[in-house]
């Protein structure tokens, strides 16, 4: 959906232009501040939704879920081709990396949420 918006709508073209060069986009007649405010609002809303879904998966609110979700998101964005300078990247590349990170083979390499990171941290049950 994001890829379709990005490539086939006026909003997508304007956002790519803002990411490439704000000054040139402003000269071209795009309301840069309005577009930035809108995209940051959408980003914050989606982040809040993600946090709500994460807390739902834990079945409790957790103010510090750890760095793993942040690290996985950064790795997915960078490996997916998203440029730190902005204005570049593809939704398909990002989706491919997310699928690769969530593949069953990689789960064995990365510790997951709620799982002990070393054998000594497991609780033993005695009867």
Protein backbone atom coordinates (compact mmCIF):
# COMPACT_ATOMS: atom_id res chain seq x y z
CA UNK A 1 0.00 0.00 0.00
CA UNK A 2 2.80 2.40 0.92
CA UNK A 3 4.56 1.62 -2.36
CA UNK A 4 1.45 2.45 -4.36
CA UNK A 5 1.01 5.75 -2.52
CA UNK A 6 4.68 6.55 -2.94
CA UNK A 7 4.87 5.97 -6.69
CA UNK A 8 1.41 6.74 -8.04
CA UNK A 9 0.05 9.70 -6.06
CA UNK A 10 0.84 13.36 -5.87
CA UNK A 11 1.48 13.02 -2.13
CA UNK A 12 4.09 10.32 -2.76
CA UNK A 13 5.92 12.42 -5.36
CA UNK A 14 5.89 15.43 -3.06
CA UNK A 15 7.24 13.42 -0.12
CA UNK A 16 10.05 12.00 -2.26
CA UNK A 17 10.87 15.54 -3.38
CA UNK A 18 10.89 16.81 0.21
CA UNK A 19 13.22 13.95 1.17
CA UNK A 20 15.56 14.78 -1.69
CA UNK A 21 15.84 18.57 -1.36
CA UNK A 22 13.56 20.70 0.83
CA UNK A 23 14.64 24.01 -0.62
CA UNK A 24 14.06 23.00 -4.24
CA UNK A 25 10.71 21.46 -3.31
CA UNK A 26 9.65 24.69 -1.60
CA UNK A 27 10.65 26.67 -4.71
CA UNK A 28 8.59 24.25 -6.84
CA UNK A 29 5.49 25.25 -4.90
CA UNK A 30 5.05 22.39 -2.46
CA UNK A 31 3.95 23.25 1.08
CA UNK A 32 6.96 21.56 2.69
CA UNK A 33 6.07 22.36 6.31
CA UNK A 34 2.53 21.07 5.81
CA UNK A 35 3.76 17.82 4.25
CA UNK A 36 6.34 17.31 7.01
CA UNK A 37 3.76 17.95 9.75
CA UNK A 38 1.39 15.48 8.13
CA UNK A 39 3.99 12.76 7.68
CA UNK A 40 5.31 13.14 11.24
CA UNK A 41 1.72 12.95 12.54
CA UNK A 42 1.11 9.78 10.53
CA UNK A 43 4.44 8.36 11.74
CA UNK A 44 3.58 9.08 15.37
CA UNK A 45 0.14 7.54 14.98
CA UNK A 46 1.58 4.37 13.45
CA UNK A 47 4.25 4.21 16.19
CA UNK A 48 1.52 4.46 18.85
CA UNK A 49 -0.41 1.69 17.13
CA UNK A 50 2.74 -0.44 17.01
CA UNK A 51 3.34 0.16 20.72
CA UNK A 52 -0.24 -0.80 21.51
CA UNK A 53 0.09 -4.00 19.51
CA UNK A 54 3.42 -4.79 21.20
CA UNK A 55 1.91 -4.31 24.64
CA UNK A 56 -1.02 -6.49 23.59
CA UNK A 57 1.41 -9.26 22.62
CA UNK A 58 2.99 -9.05 26.09
CA UNK A 59 -0.49 -9.03 27.70
CA UNK A 60 0.65 -6.09 29.84
CA UNK A 61 1.99 -2.59 29.49
CA UNK A 62 5.78 -2.43 29.53
CA UNK A 63 7.43 1.01 29.56
CA UNK A 64 10.80 -0.44 28.53
CA UNK A 65 10.40 -3.35 26.09
CA UNK A 66 14.12 -3.28 25.41
CA UNK A 67 16.23 -2.32 22.43
CA UNK A 68 15.46 -5.36 20.29
CA UNK A 69 12.39 -3.92 18.47
CA UNK A 70 14.35 -0.73 17.74
CA UNK A 71 17.40 -2.62 16.51
CA UNK A 72 15.32 -4.90 14.29
CA UNK A 73 13.49 -1.90 12.81
CA UNK A 74 16.76 -0.08 12.08
CA UNK A 75 18.32 -3.18 10.52
CA UNK A 76 15.24 -3.74 8.36
CA UNK A 77 15.23 -0.13 7.18
CA UNK A 78 18.94 0.02 6.38
CA UNK A 79 19.16 -3.39 4.72
CA UNK A 80 15.95 -2.66 2.83
CA UNK A 81 17.64 0.24 1.05
CA UNK A 82 16.27 3.21 2.98
CA UNK A 83 18.81 6.02 2.86
CA UNK A 84 19.70 7.97 5.98
CA UNK A 85 19.74 11.09 3.78
CA UNK A 86 16.09 10.56 2.82
CA UNK A 87 14.28 10.44 -0.49
CA UNK A 88 15.41 6.91 -1.40
CA UNK A 89 14.43 3.32 -0.76
CA UNK A 90 11.70 0.96 -1.85
CA UNK A 91 8.82 -0.64 -0.02
CA UNK A 92 9.65 -3.95 -1.72
CA UNK A 93 13.21 -3.91 -0.34
CA UNK A 94 11.96 -3.13 3.15
CA UNK A 95 9.34 -5.89 2.94
CA UNK A 96 11.94 -8.40 1.74
CA UNK A 97 14.19 -7.69 4.73
CA UNK A 98 11.29 -7.89 7.18
CA UNK A 99 10.34 -11.30 5.79
CA UNK A 100 13.98 -12.41 6.02
CA UNK A 101 14.30 -11.21 9.63
CA UNK A 102 11.08 -12.95 10.66
CA UNK A 103 11.98 -16.20 8.90
CA UNK A 104 12.19 -19.29 11.15
CA UNK A 105 15.90 -19.83 10.48
CA UNK A 106 16.85 -16.42 11.82
CA UNK A 107 14.83 -16.93 15.01
CA UNK A 108 17.45 -19.42 16.14
CA UNK A 109 20.18 -16.79 15.85
CA UNK A 110 18.43 -13.89 17.57
CA UNK A 111 17.05 -13.96 21.11
CA UNK A 112 13.33 -13.19 21.09
CA UNK A 113 11.19 -11.02 23.36
CA UNK A 114 10.55 -12.61 26.71
CA UNK A 115 13.03 -15.43 26.12
CA UNK A 116 16.01 -15.84 28.42
CA UNK A 117 19.26 -14.77 26.80
CA UNK A 118 21.44 -17.29 28.63
CA UNK A 119 20.79 -20.64 30.34
CA UNK A 120 21.35 -19.36 33.90
CA UNK A 121 18.38 -16.99 33.70
CA UNK A 122 15.82 -19.81 33.39
CA UNK A 123 13.76 -20.57 36.44
CA UNK A 124 13.77 -24.16 37.56
CA UNK A 125 10.58 -25.71 38.87
CA UNK A 126 10.99 -28.18 41.73
CA UNK A 127 8.25 -30.22 43.32
